[in-house]
């Protein structure tokens, strides 16, 4: 598996839409649209987030991951990740990333922790709200007290904008659907 950062705006939007749809599913209400819109309009614009794909030898996307910088600019949090059709692709992508990047993950279950441990995230700490925080070997923090917060979207603000600006909502919805329909066969 090769790791590719998706820089082309059209491909990035399509892959982001697919990632949000895969992570949240069809019963998630507006959440996938809110994350898609905020990531696209804020995090990508300010160069705070990176979208990466694990691809096969022909360039076919097998897994996707969204990496968001922390406020200190020292580490990156995997906020969303999924595999596409190929079992184990998400784990392989995270394994590759953990060798190269200062990664952080936050998990809510023992299953998730086991997946990330098997993917090379070896240092674990107790976080807030019964979450566990995992760090790759390249992450500079030695404990949870040294971790800067991950840059976060103001989801409530995006929802308010959708509620009060029907045109913005329709535009975002169409961009999301266009992304889903234009998912690239190769990167």
C-alpha atoms as a PDB file:
ATOM      1  CA  UNK A   1       0.000   0.000   0.000  1.00  0.00           C
ATOM      2  CA  UNK A   2       1.174   3.463  -0.897  1.00  0.00           C
ATOM      3  CA  UNK A   3       0.099   6.548   1.082  1.00  0.00           C
ATOM      4  CA  UNK A   4      -1.002   9.509  -1.035  1.00  0.00           C
ATOM      5  CA  UNK A   5      -1.903  12.987   0.190  1.00  0.00           C
ATOM      6  CA  UNK A   6      -4.893  14.157  -1.844  1.00  0.00           C
ATOM      7  CA  UNK A   7      -4.128  17.711  -2.927  1.00  0.00           C
ATOM      8  CA  UNK A   8      -6.316  18.196  -6.019  1.00  0.00           C
ATOM      9  CA  UNK A   9      -9.387  20.083  -4.757  1.00  0.00           C
ATOM     10  CA  UNK A  10     -11.909  18.091  -6.787  1.00  0.00           C
ATOM     11  CA  UNK A  11     -10.485  14.713  -5.777  1.00  0.00           C
ATOM     12  CA  UNK A  12     -10.112  15.886  -2.186  1.00  0.00           C
ATOM     13  CA  UNK A  13     -13.744  17.005  -1.992  1.00  0.00           C
ATOM     14  CA  UNK A  14     -14.919  13.712  -3.489  1.00  0.00           C
ATOM     15  CA  UNK A  15     -12.794  11.653  -1.100  1.00  0.00           C
ATOM     16  CA  UNK A  16     -13.860  13.778   1.878  1.00  0.00           C
ATOM     17  CA  UNK A  17     -17.527  13.294   0.993  1.00  0.00           C
ATOM     18  CA  UNK A  18     -16.985   9.531   0.728  1.00  0.00           C
ATOM     19  CA  UNK A  19     -15.079   9.454   4.034  1.00  0.00           C
ATOM     20  CA  UNK A  20     -17.870  11.320   5.847  1.00  0.00           C
ATOM     21  CA  UNK A  21     -20.516   9.061   4.312  1.00  0.00           C
ATOM     22  CA  UNK A  22     -18.578   5.906   5.257  1.00  0.00           C
ATOM     23  CA  UNK A  23     -17.816   7.011   8.825  1.00  0.00           C
ATOM     24  CA  UNK A  24     -21.267   8.328   9.712  1.00  0.00           C
ATOM     25  CA  UNK A  25     -23.539   6.202   7.530  1.00  0.00           C
ATOM     26  CA  UNK A  26     -26.971   7.123   6.277  1.00  0.00           C
ATOM     27  CA  UNK A  27     -28.668   7.483   9.668  1.00  0.00           C
ATOM     28  CA  UNK A  28     -26.440  10.322  10.871  1.00  0.00           C
ATOM     29  CA  UNK A  29     -28.646  13.262   9.970  1.00  0.00           C
ATOM     30  CA  UNK A  30     -26.679  16.389   9.087  1.00  0.00           C
ATOM     31  CA  UNK A  31     -23.412  15.331  10.754  1.00  0.00           C
ATOM     32  CA  UNK A  32     -21.663  14.125   7.563  1.00  0.00           C
ATOM     33  CA  UNK A  33     -22.642  17.332   5.753  1.00  0.00           C
ATOM     34  CA  UNK A  34     -21.497  19.526   8.666  1.00  0.00           C
ATOM     35  CA  UNK A  35     -18.095  17.775   8.910  1.00  0.00           C
ATOM     36  CA  UNK A  36     -17.679  17.871   5.126  1.00  0.00           C
ATOM     37  CA  UNK A  37     -18.529  21.573   4.919  1.00  0.00           C
ATOM     38  CA  UNK A  38     -16.435  22.655   7.909  1.00  0.00           C
ATOM     39  CA  UNK A  39     -13.415  20.606   6.905  1.00  0.00           C
ATOM     40  CA  UNK A  40     -13.572  21.855   3.352  1.00  0.00           C
ATOM     41  CA  UNK A  41     -14.244  25.517   4.103  1.00  0.00           C
ATOM     42  CA  UNK A  42     -12.195  25.948   7.276  1.00  0.00           C
ATOM     43  CA  UNK A  43      -9.615  23.228   7.908  1.00  0.00           C
ATOM     44  CA  UNK A  44      -8.477  22.770   4.300  1.00  0.00           C
ATOM     45  CA  UNK A  45      -8.566  26.507   3.595  1.00  0.00           C
ATOM     46  CA  UNK A  46      -6.374  27.230   6.622  1.00  0.00           C
ATOM     47  CA  UNK A  47      -4.144  24.216   5.840  1.00  0.00           C
ATOM     48  CA  UNK A  48      -4.918  22.651   9.223  1.00  0.00           C
ATOM     49  CA  UNK A  49      -6.083  19.307   7.832  1.00  0.00           C
ATOM     50  CA  UNK A  50      -4.734  16.747   5.373  1.00  0.00           C
ATOM     51  CA  UNK A  51      -6.687  14.017   3.618  1.00  0.00           C
ATOM     52  CA  UNK A  52      -4.678  10.914   2.800  1.00  0.00           C
ATOM     53  CA  UNK A  53      -5.487   7.684   1.026  1.00  0.00           C
ATOM     54  CA  UNK A  54      -3.944   4.272   1.022  1.00  0.00           C
ATOM     55  CA  UNK A  55      -3.866   3.123  -2.604  1.00  0.00           C
ATOM     56  CA  UNK A  56      -2.972  -0.124  -4.342  1.00  0.00           C
ATOM     57  CA  UNK A  57      -0.387  -0.456  -7.121  1.00  0.00           C
ATOM     58  CA  UNK A  58      -2.872   0.834  -9.702  1.00  0.00           C
ATOM     59  CA  UNK A  59      -3.761   3.896  -7.595  1.00  0.00           C
ATOM     60  CA  UNK A  60      -7.178   2.613  -6.497  1.00  0.00           C
ATOM     61  CA  UNK A  61      -8.148   4.079  -3.091  1.00  0.00           C
ATOM     62  CA  UNK A  62      -8.413   1.349  -0.438  1.00  0.00           C
ATOM     63  CA  UNK A  63      -8.652   3.490   2.718  1.00  0.00           C
ATOM     64  CA  UNK A  64      -9.035   7.153   3.655  1.00  0.00           C
ATOM     65  CA  UNK A  65      -7.972   9.156   6.713  1.00  0.00           C
ATOM     66  CA  UNK A  66      -8.419  12.772   7.772  1.00  0.00           C
ATOM     67  CA  UNK A  67      -5.527  14.195   9.797  1.00  0.00           C
ATOM     68  CA  UNK A  68      -6.030  17.441  11.736  1.00  0.00           C
ATOM     69  CA  UNK A  69      -3.183  19.410  13.323  1.00  0.00           C
ATOM     70  CA  UNK A  70      -3.103  20.207  17.003  1.00  0.00           C
ATOM     71  CA  UNK A  71      -3.076  23.817  18.160  1.00  0.00           C
ATOM     72  CA  UNK A  72       0.700  23.736  18.702  1.00  0.00           C
ATOM     73  CA  UNK A  73       1.330  22.384  15.213  1.00  0.00           C
ATOM     74  CA  UNK A  74       3.370  19.478  16.612  1.00  0.00           C
ATOM     75  CA  UNK A  75       1.053  16.533  16.110  1.00  0.00           C
ATOM     76  CA  UNK A  76      -1.792  15.314  13.948  1.00  0.00           C
ATOM     77  CA  UNK A  77      -4.965  13.610  15.111  1.00  0.00           C
ATOM     78  CA  UNK A  78      -6.694  11.002  13.001  1.00  0.00           C
ATOM     79  CA  UNK A  79     -10.215  12.361  13.321  1.00  0.00           C
ATOM     80  CA  UNK A  80     -11.855  10.119  10.709  1.00  0.00           C
ATOM     81  CA  UNK A  81     -10.730   6.960   8.914  1.00  0.00           C
ATOM     82  CA  UNK A  82     -12.396   4.255   6.855  1.00  0.00           C
ATOM     83  CA  UNK A  83     -11.631   1.406   4.538  1.00  0.00           C
ATOM     84  CA  UNK A  84     -13.221   0.988   1.124  1.00  0.00           C
ATOM     85  CA  UNK A  85     -14.036  -2.539  -0.024  1.00  0.00           C
ATOM     86  CA  UNK A  86     -10.682  -3.987   1.098  1.00  0.00           C
ATOM     87  CA  UNK A  87     -10.685  -5.574   4.569  1.00  0.00           C
ATOM     88  CA  UNK A  88      -7.696  -4.497   6.649  1.00  0.00           C
ATOM     89  CA  UNK A  89      -6.885  -1.480   4.462  1.00  0.00           C
ATOM     90  CA  UNK A  90      -7.641   1.045   7.232  1.00  0.00           C
ATOM     91  CA  UNK A  91      -5.229  -0.743   9.574  1.00  0.00           C
ATOM     92  CA  UNK A  92      -2.519  -0.850   6.891  1.00  0.00           C
ATOM     93  CA  UNK A  93      -2.975   2.873   6.164  1.00  0.00           C
ATOM     94  CA  UNK A  94      -2.711   3.775   9.847  1.00  0.00           C
ATOM     95  CA  UNK A  95       0.351   1.524  10.209  1.00  0.00           C
ATOM     96  CA  UNK A  96       2.067   3.371   7.363  1.00  0.00           C
ATOM     97  CA  UNK A  97       1.122   6.755   8.810  1.00  0.00           C
ATOM     98  CA  UNK A  98       2.281   5.829  12.322  1.00  0.00           C
ATOM     99  CA  UNK A  99       5.785   5.176  10.977  1.00  0.00           C
ATOM    100  CA  UNK A 100       6.015   8.596   9.332  1.00  0.00           C
ATOM    101  CA  UNK A 101       3.890  11.068  11.286  1.00  0.00           C
ATOM    102  CA  UNK A 102       3.392  12.339  14.862  1.00  0.00           C
ATOM    103  CA  UNK A 103      -0.054  10.763  15.187  1.00  0.00           C
ATOM    104  CA  UNK A 104      -2.641  10.965  17.924  1.00  0.00           C
ATOM    105  CA  UNK A 105      -5.915   9.074  18.169  1.00  0.00           C
ATOM    106  CA  UNK A 106      -8.765   9.219  20.651  1.00  0.00           C
ATOM    107  CA  UNK A 107     -10.891   6.114  21.059  1.00  0.00           C
ATOM    108  CA  UNK A 108     -13.978   5.210  23.054  1.00  0.00           C
ATOM    109  CA  UNK A 109     -13.808   1.413  23.036  1.00  0.00           C
ATOM    110  CA  UNK A 110     -11.406  -1.443  23.653  1.00  0.00           C
ATOM    111  CA  UNK A 111     -12.047  -2.624  20.067  1.00  0.00           C
ATOM    112  CA  UNK A 112     -10.909   0.697  18.630  1.00  0.00           C
ATOM    113  CA  UNK A 113      -7.867   0.740  20.901  1.00  0.00           C
ATOM    114  CA  UNK A 114      -6.909  -2.777  19.803  1.00  0.00           C
ATOM    115  CA  UNK A 115      -7.171  -1.791  16.122  1.00  0.00           C
ATOM    116  CA  UNK A 116      -4.913   1.217  16.614  1.00  0.00           C
ATOM    117  CA  UNK A 117      -2.451  -0.748  18.776  1.00  0.00           C
ATOM    118  CA  UNK A 118      -2.172  -3.312  15.989  1.00  0.00           C
ATOM    119  CA  UNK A 119      -1.564  -0.369  13.627  1.00  0.00           C
ATOM    120  CA  UNK A 120       1.496   0.900  15.488  1.00  0.00           C
ATOM    121  CA  UNK A 121      -0.010   3.312  18.026  1.00  0.00           C
ATOM    122  CA  UNK A 122       1.839   2.032  21.083  1.00  0.00           C
ATOM    123  CA  UNK A 123       1.636   4.678  23.841  1.00  0.00           C
ATOM    124  CA  UNK A 124      -1.758   4.987  25.571  1.00  0.00           C
ATOM    125  CA  UNK A 125      -3.131   7.321  28.227  1.00  0.00           C
ATOM    126  CA  UNK A 126      -6.463   7.932  29.884  1.00  0.00           C
ATOM    127  CA  UNK A 127      -8.231  10.986  28.493  1.00  0.00           C
ATOM    128  CA  UNK A 128     -11.379  12.894  29.380  1.00  0.00           C
ATOM    129  CA  UNK A 129     -14.880  11.437  29.128  1.00  0.00           C
ATOM    130  CA  UNK A 130     -13.633   7.820  29.367  1.00  0.00           C
ATOM    131  CA  UNK A 131     -11.631   8.187  26.163  1.00  0.00           C
ATOM    132  CA  UNK A 132      -8.208   6.693  25.611  1.00  0.00           C
ATOM    133  CA  UNK A 133      -5.507   8.676  23.827  1.00  0.00           C
ATOM    134  CA  UNK A 134      -2.938   6.877  21.710  1.00  0.00           C
ATOM    135  CA  UNK A 135       0.305   8.302  20.330  1.00  0.00           C
ATOM    136  CA  UNK A 136       2.627   7.041  17.629  1.00  0.00           C
ATOM    137  CA  UNK A 137       6.351   6.757  18.289  1.00  0.00           C
ATOM    138  CA  UNK A 138       6.973   9.978  16.357  1.00  0.00           C
ATOM    139  CA  UNK A 139       4.664  12.100  18.524  1.00  0.00           C
ATOM    140  CA  UNK A 140       6.786  14.439  20.700  1.00  0.00           C
ATOM    141  CA  UNK A 141       4.530  14.371  23.802  1.00  0.00           C
ATOM    142  CA  UNK A 142       5.559  12.070  26.620  1.00  0.00           C
ATOM    143  CA  UNK A 143       2.235  12.220  28.434  1.00  0.00           C
ATOM    144  CA  UNK A 144      -1.292  13.603  28.244  1.00  0.00           C
ATOM    145  CA  UNK A 145      -0.288  16.815  30.041  1.00  0.00           C
ATOM    146  CA  UNK A 146       1.934  17.760  27.094  1.00  0.00           C
ATOM    147  CA  UNK A 147      -0.766  17.360  24.443  1.00  0.00           C
ATOM    148  CA  UNK A 148      -2.121  20.432  22.725  1.00  0.00           C
ATOM    149  CA  UNK A 149      -5.791  20.337  21.784  1.00  0.00           C
ATOM    150  CA  UNK A 150      -6.680  19.256  18.274  1.00  0.00           C
ATOM    151  CA  UNK A 151      -8.090  22.097  16.185  1.00  0.00           C
ATOM    152  CA  UNK A 152     -11.854  21.597  16.195  1.00  0.00           C
ATOM    153  CA  UNK A 153     -14.720  22.715  14.025  1.00  0.00           C
ATOM    154  CA  UNK A 154     -17.556  24.766  15.468  1.00  0.00           C
ATOM    155  CA  UNK A 155     -20.278  22.357  14.357  1.00  0.00           C
ATOM    156  CA  UNK A 156     -23.017  24.387  16.071  1.00  0.00           C
ATOM    157  CA  UNK A 157     -22.024  27.464  14.050  1.00  0.00           C
ATOM    158  CA  UNK A 158     -22.217  25.514  10.794  1.00  0.00           C
ATOM    159  CA  UNK A 159     -25.642  24.138  11.751  1.00  0.00           C
ATOM    160  CA  UNK A 160     -26.891  27.634  12.608  1.00  0.00           C
ATOM    161  CA  UNK A 161     -25.703  28.885   9.231  1.00  0.00           C
ATOM    162  CA  UNK A 162     -27.533  26.047   7.499  1.00  0.00           C
ATOM    163  CA  UNK A 163     -30.670  26.836   9.496  1.00  0.00           C
ATOM    164  CA  UNK A 164     -30.632  30.553   8.688  1.00  0.00           C
ATOM    165  CA  UNK A 165     -29.248  30.430   5.148  1.00  0.00           C
ATOM    166  CA  UNK A 166     -31.150  27.974   2.958  1.00  0.00           C
ATOM    167  CA  UNK A 167     -28.991  28.872  -0.037  1.00  0.00           C
ATOM    168  CA  UNK A 168     -25.783  27.939   1.830  1.00  0.00           C
ATOM    169  CA  UNK A 169     -27.380  24.675   2.970  1.00  0.00           C
ATOM    170  CA  UNK A 170     -28.482  23.731  -0.563  1.00  0.00           C
ATOM    171  CA  UNK A 171     -25.070  24.642  -1.967  1.00  0.00           C
ATOM    172  CA  UNK A 172     -23.245  22.542   0.662  1.00  0.00           C
ATOM    173  CA  UNK A 173     -25.637  19.633   0.125  1.00  0.00           C
ATOM    174  CA  UNK A 174     -25.072  19.752  -3.637  1.00  0.00           C
ATOM    175  CA  UNK A 175     -21.278  19.911  -3.186  1.00  0.00           C
ATOM    176  CA  UNK A 176     -21.476  16.850  -0.909  1.00  0.00           C
ATOM    177  CA  UNK A 177     -23.615  14.891  -3.371  1.00  0.00           C
ATOM    178  CA  UNK A 178     -21.375  15.922  -6.278  1.00  0.00           C
ATOM    179  CA  UNK A 179     -18.382  14.669  -4.301  1.00  0.00           C
ATOM    180  CA  UNK A 180     -20.032  11.316  -3.661  1.00  0.00           C
ATOM    181  CA  UNK A 181     -20.899  10.973  -7.360  1.00  0.00           C
ATOM    182  CA  UNK A 182     -17.393  11.943  -8.509  1.00  0.00           C
ATOM    183  CA  UNK A 183     -15.376   9.635  -6.252  1.00  0.00           C
ATOM    184  CA  UNK A 184     -12.222   8.823  -8.237  1.00  0.00           C
ATOM    185  CA  UNK A 185     -11.440   5.268  -9.325  1.00  0.00           C
ATOM    186  CA  UNK A 186      -7.732   6.084  -9.041  1.00  0.00           C
ATOM    187  CA  UNK A 187      -5.594   8.752  -7.369  1.00  0.00           C
END
